């Protein structure tokens, strides 16, 4: 009986010693915003022009790579950011072919983060892809850019 009492009294200590859940909504917002910023900077350099507005597909299919339930800033790197459903994205592409729709997929854990940007325009034609990888720096307690990779058409190579 005394062992059970000691165990019950020590349970709160186990809970206090556990690290906080990662990633939190704040963590996800920060790293997704950083990835979008790095994408914009890299794509602007490659395209030699800047974006006015980017439409991101906020998919919810019950998959681990679904867009998280976060609130992104309205602008990142002087570019308006809009989260829309894939269905609305398709409609917006048909309304104006010059609009940029992005399907962004991300994986984030304590040690690394990886994002893929699938960029559509011209009436929902796939234009190019970016993969952006980060590693967690324990000294800085933040993610650092590790690698950006561009892939343009043809995509089957």
Protein backbone atom coordinates (compact mmCIF):
# COMPACT_ATOMS: atom_id res chain seq x y z
CA UNK A 1 0.00 0.00 0.00
CA UNK A 2 2.80 2.43 0.84
CA UNK A 3 4.43 1.76 -2.57
CA UNK A 4 1.20 2.63 -4.32
CA UNK A 5 0.92 5.85 -2.33
CA UNK A 6 4.52 6.81 -3.18
CA UNK A 7 3.87 6.08 -6.87
CA UNK A 8 0.70 8.18 -6.92
CA UNK A 9 2.44 11.08 -5.18
CA UNK A 10 5.38 10.94 -7.60
CA UNK A 11 3.25 11.00 -10.79
CA UNK A 12 3.22 14.82 -10.99
CA UNK A 13 7.03 14.78 -10.97
CA UNK A 14 7.09 12.62 -14.11
CA UNK A 15 4.76 15.02 -15.87
CA UNK A 16 6.88 18.03 -14.91
CA UNK A 17 10.05 16.36 -16.16
CA UNK A 18 8.68 15.68 -19.64
CA UNK A 19 9.80 18.03 -22.41
CA UNK A 20 7.05 20.15 -23.94
CA UNK A 21 5.27 18.70 -26.94
CA UNK A 22 7.05 19.49 -30.18
CA UNK A 23 6.17 20.93 -32.55
CA UNK A 24 3.70 23.34 -31.03
CA UNK A 25 1.47 25.57 -33.12
CA UNK A 26 3.93 28.41 -32.50
CA UNK A 27 6.87 26.24 -33.62
CA UNK A 28 5.02 25.25 -36.80
CA UNK A 29 4.04 28.84 -37.59
CA UNK A 30 7.65 29.95 -37.21
CA UNK A 31 9.24 27.24 -39.36
CA UNK A 32 6.53 27.37 -42.06
CA UNK A 33 6.94 31.16 -42.25
CA UNK A 34 10.72 30.73 -42.50
CA UNK A 35 10.36 28.15 -45.27
CA UNK A 36 8.00 30.41 -47.22
CA UNK A 37 10.41 33.32 -46.79
CA UNK A 38 13.34 31.21 -48.04
CA UNK A 39 11.23 29.97 -50.96
CA UNK A 40 10.26 33.52 -51.95
CA UNK A 41 13.85 34.78 -51.77
CA UNK A 42 15.21 31.87 -53.81
CA UNK A 43 12.40 31.90 -56.39
CA UNK A 44 12.69 35.67 -56.81
CA UNK A 45 16.42 35.28 -57.54
CA UNK A 46 15.83 32.44 -60.01
CA UNK A 47 12.86 34.10 -61.77
CA UNK A 48 14.40 37.60 -61.60
CA UNK A 49 11.02 39.00 -60.59
CA UNK A 50 9.03 39.17 -57.38
CA UNK A 51 5.66 37.78 -56.42
CA UNK A 52 2.71 39.99 -55.52
CA UNK A 53 0.49 37.29 -53.98
CA UNK A 54 0.98 33.57 -53.37
CA UNK A 55 -1.96 31.23 -52.87
CA UNK A 56 -1.19 28.21 -50.70
CA UNK A 57 -3.41 25.17 -50.72
CA UNK A 58 -4.61 24.37 -47.23
CA UNK A 59 -5.36 20.67 -47.70
CA UNK A 60 -6.92 18.49 -45.04
CA UNK A 61 -6.93 14.82 -46.01
CA UNK A 62 -5.99 13.25 -42.67
CA UNK A 63 -2.38 12.71 -43.81
CA UNK A 64 0.80 13.55 -41.84
CA UNK A 65 1.78 16.09 -44.50
CA UNK A 66 -1.52 18.02 -44.42
CA UNK A 67 -1.17 21.77 -44.05
CA UNK A 68 -1.16 22.43 -40.29
CA UNK A 69 -3.79 24.49 -38.51
CA UNK A 70 -1.68 27.64 -38.22
CA UNK A 71 -2.13 31.33 -38.96
CA UNK A 72 0.57 32.65 -41.24
CA UNK A 73 1.45 36.34 -41.50
CA UNK A 74 -0.51 38.22 -44.15
CA UNK A 75 2.73 39.19 -45.87
CA UNK A 76 6.14 37.53 -46.00
CA UNK A 77 8.98 39.27 -47.85
CA UNK A 78 6.56 41.89 -49.24
CA UNK A 79 4.41 39.12 -50.74
CA UNK A 80 0.77 38.63 -49.78
CA UNK A 81 0.11 35.13 -48.45
CA UNK A 82 -3.33 33.57 -48.85
CA UNK A 83 -4.38 30.15 -47.57
CA UNK A 84 -7.14 28.65 -49.68
CA UNK A 85 -8.62 25.24 -50.34
CA UNK A 86 -7.30 23.31 -53.37
CA UNK A 87 -10.73 23.66 -54.97
CA UNK A 88 -10.63 27.46 -54.66
CA UNK A 89 -7.05 27.36 -55.97
CA UNK A 90 -8.20 25.65 -59.13
CA UNK A 91 -10.95 28.26 -59.60
CA UNK A 92 -8.49 31.13 -59.05
CA UNK A 93 -6.10 29.61 -61.60
CA UNK A 94 -8.84 29.47 -64.21
CA UNK A 95 -9.87 33.08 -63.47
CA UNK A 96 -6.35 34.44 -64.01
CA UNK A 97 -3.61 32.21 -65.38
CA UNK A 98 -0.82 34.38 -63.99
CA UNK A 99 -1.75 33.60 -60.37
CA UNK A 100 0.64 31.41 -58.44
CA UNK A 101 -0.81 28.48 -56.51
CA UNK A 102 1.47 26.42 -54.28
CA UNK A 103 0.94 23.01 -52.80
CA UNK A 104 3.29 23.07 -49.78
CA UNK A 105 4.06 19.85 -47.97
CA UNK A 106 6.10 19.80 -44.77
CA UNK A 107 7.56 17.47 -42.19
CA UNK A 108 8.87 18.89 -38.92
CA UNK A 109 10.46 17.11 -35.97
CA UNK A 110 12.97 18.01 -33.23
CA UNK A 111 16.03 17.49 -35.41
CA UNK A 112 15.02 18.51 -38.90
CA UNK A 113 12.36 20.03 -41.11
CA UNK A 114 11.74 19.52 -44.80
CA UNK A 115 9.36 21.30 -47.13
CA UNK A 116 8.34 20.77 -50.72
CA UNK A 117 6.81 23.52 -52.80
CA UNK A 118 4.91 22.45 -55.92
CA UNK A 119 4.28 25.62 -57.92
CA UNK A 120 1.35 25.91 -60.34
CA UNK A 121 0.39 28.69 -62.72
CA UNK A 122 -0.82 29.18 -66.30
CA UNK A 123 -4.20 27.61 -65.65
CA UNK A 124 -3.00 25.01 -63.12
CA UNK A 125 0.06 23.73 -65.00
CA UNK A 126 2.94 22.64 -62.79
CA UNK A 127 5.80 25.10 -63.27
CA UNK A 128 8.59 23.96 -60.93
CA UNK A 129 9.33 22.47 -57.50
CA UNK A 130 11.53 23.44 -54.58
CA UNK A 131 12.73 21.26 -51.73
CA UNK A 132 13.98 23.13 -48.68
CA UNK A 133 15.70 21.32 -45.78
CA UNK A 134 16.56 22.58 -42.32
CA UNK A 135 18.47 21.11 -39.42
CA UNK A 136 17.97 22.08 -35.79
CA UNK A 137 20.89 23.90 -34.18
CA UNK A 138 20.81 23.07 -30.47
CA UNK A 139 23.16 25.96 -29.60
CA UNK A 140 20.99 28.56 -31.34
CA UNK A 141 17.78 26.69 -30.46
CA UNK A 142 16.49 27.30 -33.95
CA UNK A 143 16.32 25.69 -37.37
CA UNK A 144 19.07 26.54 -39.85
CA UNK A 145 18.78 26.32 -43.60
CA UNK A 146 20.64 23.27 -44.81
CA UNK A 147 19.75 22.95 -48.51
CA UNK A 148 17.50 24.39 -51.22
CA UNK A 149 16.95 22.33 -54.34
CA UNK A 150 15.16 23.46 -57.51
CA UNK A 151 13.59 21.13 -60.05
CA UNK A 152 11.98 22.40 -63.19
CA UNK A 153 10.45 20.71 -66.21
CA UNK A 154 10.72 18.05 -67.41
CA UNK A 155 9.85 16.50 -64.07
CA UNK A 156 10.23 12.87 -65.09
CA UNK A 157 14.05 12.93 -65.08
